[in-house]
Amino acid sequence: MNAPLKLGLLGSDAQTAAVVEAAQTASDTIVLACDLPSPNTDGAPLPANIPRSDSWEPLLDDRTCDAVIVGADGWSDYRADAVRGLVQASRTLLLAHPATLSMLWAYELDMIRSDSQATLIPFLPDRLHPFMARLKAQVELAVADGHPLGLLETITLERWLPDRSREVVLRQLARDVDLVRVLGGDPERLATLGGTLDTAWPTLAVELTGNQQVPVRWSVARGDVSSLRVTLMQERGSTSVTIPAHRSAWVWEDTTANAPPTPPPFDRGAVMLGLLRKACSTASDAPPPAAIPAAEWGDAARAIELAETVPRSLTKGRAIDLHQEEFSEIGTFKGTMASLGCGIVLAALFILILAALVGGIAKEAGWAFGERIASAWPGFVLTAFVLFLVLQVLPLLIGGSAPTAADQATGKDPGSDKP
């Protein structure tokens, strides 16, 4: 039997409150809580007996706690810096998702993680429900026309929300898009419907297409409680799963009248606590591979990126191509060198034009010193082009480590919306 965990808490929200409740049920201990929002706005106050601290630095010490749970409510630069420090210290973190809707912060954290070998677990438990494994298997059969209901035509995700403001909609999309990636693969193109950047959110619809060429449509509508319905539309019928926000049982509806047995209520907090316990365990026995692996930080970063792309699509009024590239320090260095090289070429052209202008004026005015300066332009241009070639060769000489699987699965060109 695993020893009880000692857990630290950095911030709080509904997701972390569920993990704290599961931890206390399992006799684990919350030894320290830092940077808690006041008042707690998630409607799930933490137990009063949890020790508080004004500083997060004690969480850096692995003797203080085995892992740190990071909440999203009241997110600030202070907490973002604390998370960076914990990742640099190689701590094990369970992070609410999305902690913040910043693609740059998410990928910066991923690069720090690749260096420090810290363990980052995003709060994305829904992919681990047994129904999601069944849906994924059905998608694979339907794409290959091996399912009784025929070829898969489209996947729809209908999200009901009581609050359909911009922040709430984008945060929910950042969670739901993880299921899109599980079922339909990583999207390569994103398009939005619903109006302008100011009016689109209550009726927002997002269409995503990937390499399977099966369109996936996510939409939001008003509902008294938050819930999601995932539907597979096929040639001769459909299959849908209704996902509640809380611990109610998931509902499977199938036109073949061959629904699987209903599993027990899904405790998201307990599921994520199990992943955290596994990450902190020193046991050498590897668990059997799951039908759908747990989400890694690369999955969370990609989900945040997709949610952050939606306002750009609404602003531009067109679809956005989502390109993939390695996101690492060497990749950032190569991009910087390429940008500097382009700047040097532009500077060389500017010098050429300026030299011709100065030379013409000096010749007409009889200005000998100006003529000598203008005649030196070939040397300046040659120097600029030599620097340009050096900057292009320098990344090849420096090289870099091979990208990890998470690196290959995430990242995109910031200018990917160019036609």
Protein backbone atom coordinates (compact mmCIF):
# COMPACT_ATOMS: atom_id res chain seq x y z
CA MET A 1 0.00 0.00 0.00
CA ASN A 2 1.27 3.46 -0.91
CA ALA A 3 2.23 5.81 1.92
CA PRO A 4 -0.03 8.86 2.43
CA LEU A 5 1.00 11.89 0.40
CA LYS A 6 2.03 15.25 1.82
CA LEU A 7 0.64 17.87 -0.53
CA GLY A 8 1.15 21.60 -0.89
CA LEU A 9 -1.47 23.96 -2.30
CA LEU A 10 -0.71 27.04 -4.42
CA GLY A 11 -3.95 28.87 -5.12
CA SER A 12 -7.35 27.25 -5.29
CA ASP A 13 -10.39 26.70 -7.53
CA ALA A 14 -13.14 24.12 -8.05
CA GLN A 15 -10.73 21.62 -9.64
CA THR A 16 -8.17 21.78 -6.85
CA ALA A 17 -10.95 21.67 -4.22
CA ALA A 18 -12.06 18.32 -5.70
CA VAL A 19 -8.50 16.97 -5.43
CA VAL A 20 -8.19 18.25 -1.84
CA GLU A 21 -11.45 16.53 -0.90
CA ALA A 22 -10.27 13.27 -2.49
CA ALA A 23 -6.90 13.60 -0.72
CA GLN A 24 -8.49 14.02 2.69
CA THR A 25 -10.79 11.05 2.04
CA ALA A 26 -7.69 8.98 1.20
CA SER A 27 -5.91 10.12 4.41
CA ASP A 28 -3.41 12.26 2.54
CA THR A 29 -2.37 15.55 4.16
CA ILE A 30 -2.45 19.12 2.88
CA VAL A 31 0.57 20.43 4.78
CA LEU A 32 0.64 24.01 3.47
CA ALA A 33 -1.53 26.37 1.41
CA CYS A 34 -0.18 29.54 -0.25
CA ASP A 35 -1.61 32.40 -2.32
CA LEU A 36 -5.25 31.48 -1.71
CA PRO A 37 -7.84 33.76 -3.33
CA SER A 38 -9.81 35.79 -0.82
CA PRO A 39 -12.70 35.42 -0.77
CA ASN A 40 -12.79 31.98 -2.36
CA THR A 41 -14.90 32.48 -5.48
CA ASP A 42 -15.38 28.88 -6.58
CA GLY A 43 -18.13 28.01 -4.10
CA ALA A 44 -16.07 25.17 -2.63
CA PRO A 45 -14.21 26.60 0.40
CA LEU A 46 -11.20 24.72 1.66
CA PRO A 47 -11.12 23.17 5.15
CA ALA A 48 -10.17 25.72 7.79
CA ASN A 49 -7.55 23.44 9.37
CA ILE A 50 -5.13 23.65 6.42
CA PRO A 51 -1.98 25.63 7.43
CA ARG A 52 -1.56 28.88 5.49
CA SER A 53 1.59 30.73 4.46
CA ASP A 54 2.25 34.12 2.87
CA SER A 55 5.23 32.71 0.92
CA TRP A 56 5.34 29.88 -1.61
CA GLU A 57 9.07 29.27 -1.18
CA PRO A 58 8.66 26.48 1.44
CA LEU A 59 7.05 24.45 -1.36
CA LEU A 60 10.43 24.32 -3.12
CA ASP A 61 11.68 21.87 -0.49
CA ASP A 62 10.70 18.26 -1.18
CA ARG A 63 10.86 17.66 2.57
CA THR A 64 7.91 20.00 2.99
CA CYS A 65 5.62 18.14 0.59
CA ASP A 66 5.69 15.40 -2.04
CA ALA A 67 3.84 17.42 -4.68
CA VAL A 68 2.11 20.77 -5.21
CA ILE A 69 -1.46 21.36 -6.42
CA VAL A 70 -1.85 24.63 -8.37
CA GLY A 71 -5.22 26.40 -8.62
CA ALA A 72 -6.41 28.99 -11.14
CA ASP A 73 -8.70 31.37 -9.23
CA GLY A 74 -7.06 34.74 -8.62
CA TRP A 75 -4.24 33.99 -11.05
CA SER A 76 -1.49 36.62 -11.00
CA ASP A 77 2.09 37.24 -12.09
CA TYR A 78 3.12 36.30 -8.55
CA ARG A 79 1.65 32.82 -8.92
CA ALA A 80 2.99 32.44 -12.45
CA ASP A 81 6.52 33.19 -11.15
CA ALA A 82 5.97 30.72 -8.31
CA VAL A 83 5.06 27.98 -10.76
CA ARG A 84 8.16 28.73 -12.85
CA GLY A 85 10.30 28.45 -9.70
CA LEU A 86 8.71 25.13 -8.72
CA VAL A 87 9.24 23.70 -12.20
CA GLN A 88 12.87 24.84 -12.20
CA ALA A 89 13.23 23.06 -8.84
CA SER A 90 12.04 19.78 -10.46
CA ARG A 91 8.92 19.54 -8.28
CA THR A 92 5.86 17.42 -9.14
CA LEU A 93 2.86 19.65 -9.90
CA LEU A 94 -0.83 19.05 -10.54
CA LEU A 95 -2.14 22.15 -12.30
CA ALA A 96 -5.73 23.28 -12.77
CA HIS A 97 -6.53 23.57 -16.46
CA PRO A 98 -6.30 26.11 -17.86
CA ALA A 99 -4.32 27.89 -15.16
CA THR A 100 -4.08 30.88 -17.49
CA LEU A 101 -5.02 31.38 -21.15
CA SER A 102 -1.49 32.26 -22.23
CA MET A 103 0.11 30.09 -24.90
CA LEU A 104 3.51 31.72 -24.34
CA TRP A 105 3.44 30.93 -20.62
CA ALA A 106 2.40 27.33 -21.29
CA TYR A 107 5.20 26.69 -23.79
CA GLU A 108 7.74 28.53 -21.64
CA LEU A 109 6.82 26.15 -18.82
CA ASP A 110 7.21 23.22 -21.21
CA MET A 111 10.76 24.29 -22.11
CA ILE A 112 11.68 24.70 -18.44
CA ARG A 113 10.17 21.26 -17.74
CA SER A 114 12.26 19.63 -20.47
CA ASP A 115 15.42 20.94 -18.78
CA SER A 116 14.52 20.32 -15.13
CA GLN A 117 12.66 17.03 -15.69
CA ALA A 118 9.83 18.25 -13.46
CA THR A 119 6.52 16.37 -13.64
CA LEU A 120 3.54 18.50 -14.69
CA ILE A 121 0.08 16.93 -14.61
CA PRO A 122 -2.77 19.02 -16.11
CA PHE A 123 -6.28 18.59 -14.69
CA LEU A 124 -7.77 16.82 -17.72
CA PRO A 125 -9.51 13.72 -16.31
CA ASP A 126 -12.41 13.29 -18.76
CA ARG A 127 -10.28 11.51 -21.38
CA LEU A 128 -9.78 8.70 -18.81
CA HIS A 129 -13.48 7.81 -18.49
CA PRO A 130 -14.28 4.32 -19.93
CA PHE A 131 -16.82 5.84 -22.33
CA MET A 132 -14.11 7.95 -23.99
CA ALA A 133 -12.10 4.80 -24.75
CA ARG A 134 -15.21 3.26 -26.35
CA LEU A 135 -15.86 6.40 -28.39
CA LYS A 136 -12.26 6.51 -29.59
CA ALA A 137 -12.41 2.85 -30.66
CA GLN A 138 -15.67 3.54 -32.51
CA VAL A 139 -14.12 6.53 -34.30
CA GLU A 140 -11.21 4.39 -35.48
CA LEU A 141 -13.59 1.71 -36.80
CA ALA A 142 -15.93 4.25 -38.41
CA VAL A 143 -13.12 6.10 -40.19
CA ALA A 144 -12.06 2.79 -41.75
CA ASP A 145 -15.72 1.93 -42.57
CA GLY A 146 -15.58 -1.06 -40.23
CA HIS A 147 -18.47 -0.05 -37.95
CA PRO A 148 -22.11 -1.22 -38.33
CA LEU A 149 -23.28 2.40 -38.54
CA GLY A 150 -20.98 3.11 -41.48
CA LEU A 151 -18.48 5.85 -42.17
CA LEU A 152 -17.98 8.66 -39.68
CA GLU A 153 -19.28 11.94 -41.10
CA THR A 154 -18.76 14.43 -38.28
CA ILE A 155 -18.08 14.75 -34.54
CA THR A 156 -20.04 17.38 -32.61
CA LEU A 157 -19.47 18.66 -29.07
CA GLU A 158 -22.35 20.70 -27.63
CA ARG A 159 -21.45 22.58 -24.46
CA TRP A 160 -24.13 24.10 -22.21
CA LEU A 161 -23.05 26.89 -19.85
CA PRO A 162 -24.96 29.17 -17.44
CA ASP A 163 -22.30 31.89 -17.97
CA ARG A 164 -21.29 32.43 -21.59
CA SER A 165 -18.88 35.33 -21.16
CA ARG A 166 -15.66 35.38 -23.16
CA GLU A 167 -13.40 34.20 -20.32
CA VAL A 168 -15.68 31.32 -19.30
CA VAL A 169 -16.23 30.14 -22.88
CA LEU A 170 -12.52 30.14 -23.74
CA ARG A 171 -11.59 28.33 -20.52
CA GLN A 172 -14.20 25.67 -21.18
CA LEU A 173 -13.05 25.30 -24.78
CA ALA A 174 -9.48 24.78 -23.53
CA ARG A 175 -10.78 21.78 -21.55
CA ASP A 176 -13.14 20.35 -24.18
CA VAL A 177 -10.63 20.61 -27.00
CA ASP A 178 -8.58 17.92 -25.24
CA LEU A 179 -11.44 15.50 -26.05
CA VAL A 180 -11.40 16.80 -29.63
CA ARG A 181 -7.72 15.84 -29.90
CA VAL A 182 -8.35 12.43 -28.33
CA LEU A 183 -11.19 11.55 -30.73
CA GLY A 184 -10.31 13.39 -33.94
CA GLY A 185 -6.55 13.85 -33.71
CA ASP A 186 -4.65 17.11 -33.50
CA PRO A 187 -6.46 19.82 -35.52
CA GLU A 188 -4.68 21.36 -38.48
CA ARG A 189 -7.23 24.10 -39.20
CA LEU A 190 -9.58 26.14 -37.00
CA ALA A 191 -12.55 28.26 -38.08
CA THR A 192 -15.12 30.15 -36.02
CA LEU A 193 -18.76 31.13 -36.41
CA GLY A 194 -20.86 33.38 -34.21
CA GLY A 195 -20.30 37.02 -35.11
CA THR A 196 -17.70 39.56 -34.10
CA LEU A 197 -15.11 39.47 -31.35
CA ASP A 198 -17.54 41.35 -29.06
CA THR A 199 -20.75 39.42 -29.78
CA ALA A 200 -19.71 35.86 -30.68
CA TRP A 201 -19.30 34.25 -27.25
CA PRO A 202 -22.91 33.31 -26.25
CA THR A 203 -23.39 31.38 -29.52
CA LEU A 204 -19.80 30.61 -30.48
CA ALA A 205 -19.17 27.67 -32.81
CA VAL A 206 -15.70 26.38 -33.63
CA GLU A 207 -14.93 23.97 -36.46
CA LEU A 208 -11.69 21.99 -36.39
CA THR A 209 -10.32 19.66 -39.04
CA GLY A 210 -7.33 17.34 -38.80
CA ASN A 211 -5.47 14.75 -40.82
CA GLN A 212 -8.42 12.33 -40.69
CA GLN A 213 -10.46 14.88 -42.66
CA VAL A 214 -13.40 14.37 -40.28
CA PRO A 215 -14.84 17.77 -39.29
CA VAL A 216 -15.26 18.37 -35.57
CA ARG A 217 -17.68 21.07 -34.45
CA TRP A 218 -17.73 22.54 -30.93
CA SER A 219 -20.55 24.92 -29.98
CA VAL A 220 -21.85 26.64 -26.87
CA ALA A 221 -25.43 27.28 -25.77
CA ARG A 222 -27.25 28.44 -22.66
CA GLY A 223 -27.94 25.86 -19.97
CA ASP A 224 -28.92 25.90 -16.31
CA VAL A 225 -25.92 23.72 -15.45
CA SER A 226 -22.67 23.03 -17.26
CA SER A 227 -22.64 19.84 -19.33
CA LEU A 228 -21.26 18.48 -22.59
CA ARG A 229 -22.69 16.12 -25.20
CA VAL A 230 -20.30 14.41 -27.61
CA THR A 231 -21.96 12.92 -30.72
CA LEU A 232 -20.55 10.76 -33.50
CA MET A 233 -22.64 11.23 -36.65
CA GLN A 234 -22.34 8.27 -39.03
CA GLU A 235 -24.02 7.18 -42.26
CA ARG A 236 -26.68 5.01 -40.61
CA GLY A 237 -27.03 6.43 -37.12
CA SER A 238 -25.34 8.22 -34.28
CA THR A 239 -23.80 7.68 -30.86
CA SER A 240 -23.70 10.30 -28.13
CA VAL A 241 -22.34 10.60 -24.62
CA THR A 242 -23.59 13.23 -22.17
CA ILE A 243 -20.92 14.39 -19.72
CA PRO A 244 -22.12 16.14 -16.54
CA ALA A 245 -20.02 18.70 -14.70
CA HIS A 246 -20.18 16.92 -11.37
CA ARG A 247 -20.15 13.30 -10.19
CA SER A 248 -23.38 12.23 -11.90
CA ALA A 249 -23.17 9.20 -14.15
CA TRP A 250 -22.28 9.73 -17.81
CA VAL A 251 -25.10 8.83 -20.24
CA TRP A 252 -24.51 6.75 -23.39
CA GLU A 253 -27.09 6.88 -26.23
CA ASP A 254 -26.66 4.61 -29.23
CA THR A 255 -29.04 4.05 -32.16
CA THR A 256 -27.92 0.42 -32.28
CA ALA A 257 -29.53 -0.13 -28.86
CA ASN A 258 -26.28 -1.74 -27.76
CA ALA A 259 -25.22 0.67 -25.01
CA PRO A 260 -22.45 -0.42 -22.65
CA PRO A 261 -23.19 -0.81 -18.93
CA THR A 262 -23.18 2.46 -17.02
CA PRO A 263 -19.96 2.83 -15.01
CA PRO A 264 -20.04 4.23 -11.46
CA PRO A 265 -20.04 8.02 -10.92
CA PHE A 266 -16.85 9.61 -12.14
CA ASP A 267 -14.90 11.37 -9.36
CA ARG A 268 -12.53 13.67 -11.24
CA GLY A 269 -10.69 14.69 -8.07
CA ALA A 270 -9.98 11.07 -7.15
CA VAL A 271 -8.84 10.28 -10.71
CA MET A 272 -6.34 13.14 -10.72
CA LEU A 273 -5.16 12.25 -7.21
CA GLY A 274 -4.45 8.75 -8.49
CA LEU A 275 -2.26 10.17 -11.26
CA LEU A 276 -0.45 12.36 -8.74
CA ARG A 277 0.11 9.38 -6.46
CA LYS A 278 1.51 7.37 -9.36
CA ALA A 279 3.88 10.24 -10.28
CA CYS A 280 5.15 10.40 -6.67
CA SER A 281 5.49 6.63 -6.31
CA THR A 282 8.92 5.04 -6.32
CA ALA A 283 7.59 1.60 -7.28
CA SER A 284 9.41 0.08 -10.24
CA ASP A 285 6.46 -1.95 -11.57
CA ALA A 286 5.10 -0.21 -14.65
CA PRO A 287 1.27 -0.13 -14.82
CA PRO A 288 -0.42 -1.68 -17.86
CA PRO A 289 -0.88 0.82 -20.71
CA ALA A 290 -4.25 2.57 -20.67
CA ALA A 291 -6.58 2.68 -23.67
CA ILE A 292 -6.14 6.46 -23.62
CA PRO A 293 -3.01 7.74 -21.84
CA ALA A 294 -3.30 10.49 -19.27
CA ALA A 295 -2.78 14.02 -20.54
CA GLU A 296 0.74 15.43 -20.39
CA TRP A 297 1.76 19.05 -20.22
CA GLY A 298 2.26 19.15 -23.98
CA ASP A 299 -1.44 18.29 -24.39
CA ALA A 300 -2.44 21.09 -22.02
CA ALA A 301 -0.22 23.62 -23.79
CA ARG A 302 -1.68 22.68 -27.17
CA ALA A 303 -5.23 22.99 -25.79
CA ILE A 304 -4.47 26.48 -24.46
CA GLU A 305 -3.00 27.41 -27.82
CA LEU A 306 -6.13 26.30 -29.68
CA ALA A 307 -8.37 28.30 -27.32
CA GLU A 308 -6.12 31.35 -27.75
CA THR A 309 -6.45 31.03 -31.54
CA VAL A 310 -10.23 31.55 -31.45
CA PRO A 311 -10.13 35.37 -30.92
CA ARG A 312 -7.65 35.65 -33.79
CA SER A 313 -10.01 33.75 -36.08
CA LEU A 314 -12.94 35.96 -35.06
CA THR A 315 -10.88 39.12 -35.57
CA LYS A 316 -9.63 38.08 -39.01
CA GLY A 317 -12.96 36.56 -40.06
CA ARG A 318 -11.39 33.45 -41.56
CA ALA A 319 -9.92 30.06 -40.78
CA ILE A 320 -6.50 29.73 -39.16
CA ASP A 321 -3.98 27.09 -40.24
CA LEU A 322 -2.36 25.41 -37.25
CA HIS A 323 1.20 24.42 -38.13
CA GLN A 324 3.39 22.12 -36.05
CA GLU A 325 7.01 22.70 -35.20
CA GLU A 326 9.46 21.85 -32.44
CA PHE A 327 9.08 24.12 -29.40
CA SER A 328 12.43 24.10 -27.58
CA GLU A 329 15.31 26.41 -26.73
CA ILE A 330 17.21 25.47 -29.88
CA GLY A 331 14.06 26.05 -31.94
CA THR A 332 13.65 29.50 -30.38
CA PHE A 333 17.36 30.23 -31.07
CA LYS A 334 16.98 29.20 -34.73
CA GLY A 335 13.96 31.49 -35.09
CA THR A 336 15.88 34.38 -33.55
CA MET A 337 18.83 33.84 -35.89
CA ALA A 338 16.51 33.73 -38.89
CA SER A 339 14.88 37.00 -37.82
CA LEU A 340 18.27 38.67 -37.34
CA GLY A 341 19.38 37.44 -40.74
CA CYS A 342 16.34 39.00 -42.41
CA GLY A 343 17.04 42.25 -40.55
CA ILE A 344 20.64 42.30 -41.79
CA VAL A 345 19.55 41.78 -45.40
CA LEU A 346 17.07 44.66 -45.11
CA ALA A 347 19.79 46.84 -43.56
CA ALA A 348 22.13 46.02 -46.46
CA LEU A 349 19.48 47.12 -48.98
CA PHE A 350 18.94 50.33 -47.01
CA ILE A 351 22.71 51.03 -47.03
CA LEU A 352 22.82 50.43 -50.80
CA ILE A 353 20.03 52.95 -51.45
CA LEU A 354 21.48 55.48 -48.99
CA ALA A 355 24.97 55.18 -50.52
CA ALA A 356 23.62 55.82 -54.02
CA LEU A 357 21.72 58.87 -52.75
CA VAL A 358 24.69 60.31 -50.82
CA GLY A 359 27.06 59.61 -53.73
CA GLY A 360 24.84 61.46 -56.20
CA ILE A 361 24.47 64.49 -53.93
CA ALA A 362 28.23 64.55 -53.12
CA LYS A 363 29.17 64.36 -56.80
CA GLU A 364 26.92 67.28 -57.72
CA ALA A 365 28.10 69.32 -54.73
CA GLY A 366 31.79 68.47 -55.17
CA TRP A 367 31.93 66.98 -51.66
CA ALA A 368 34.99 64.69 -51.73
CA PHE A 369 34.44 63.21 -48.27
CA GLY A 370 30.86 62.27 -49.16
CA GLU A 371 32.07 60.60 -52.36
CA ARG A 372 34.57 58.49 -50.36
CA ILE A 373 31.84 57.41 -47.93
CA ALA A 374 29.47 56.52 -50.77
CA SER A 375 32.18 54.54 -52.58
CA ALA A 376 32.64 52.31 -49.51
CA TRP A 377 29.14 50.77 -49.84
CA PRO A 378 30.36 47.47 -51.42
CA GLY A 379 32.35 46.73 -48.26
CA PHE A 380 29.37 47.41 -46.01
CA VAL A 381 27.06 45.26 -48.13
CA LEU A 382 29.61 42.43 -48.29
CA THR A 383 30.00 42.53 -44.49
CA ALA A 384 26.24 42.40 -44.06
CA PHE A 385 25.90 39.35 -46.31
CA VAL A 386 28.77 37.57 -44.52
CA LEU A 387 27.01 38.17 -41.19
CA PHE A 388 23.78 36.85 -42.72
CA LEU A 389 25.49 33.60 -43.81
CA VAL A 390 27.13 33.20 -40.39
CA LEU A 391 23.76 33.52 -38.64
CA GLN A 392 22.28 30.84 -40.91
CA VAL A 393 25.14 28.40 -40.25
CA LEU A 394 25.42 29.09 -36.49
CA PRO A 395 22.29 27.08 -35.46
CA LEU A 396 23.65 24.05 -37.37
CA LEU A 397 26.97 24.29 -35.53
CA ILE A 398 25.32 24.62 -32.11
CA GLY A 399 22.79 21.84 -32.73
CA GLY A 400 20.52 20.62 -29.95
CA SER A 401 19.07 17.60 -28.29
CA ALA A 402 16.46 15.56 -30.07
CA PRO A 403 12.91 16.74 -29.37
CA THR A 404 10.85 14.68 -26.97
CA ALA A 405 7.54 13.13 -27.89
CA ALA A 406 5.75 15.95 -26.07
CA ASP A 407 7.80 18.52 -27.97
CA GLN A 408 6.86 16.93 -31.28
CA ALA A 409 3.20 16.86 -30.30
CA THR A 410 3.02 20.57 -29.49
CA GLY A 411 4.01 23.97 -30.77
CA LYS A 412 3.26 26.05 -33.80
CA ASP A 413 4.53 28.94 -35.82
CA PRO A 414 3.28 32.16 -34.21
CA GLY A 415 2.69 33.49 -37.72
CA SER A 416 0.67 30.49 -38.82
CA ASP A 417 -2.36 32.57 -39.72
CA LYS A 418 -0.57 33.92 -42.77
CA PRO A 419 -2.23 32.84 -46.03
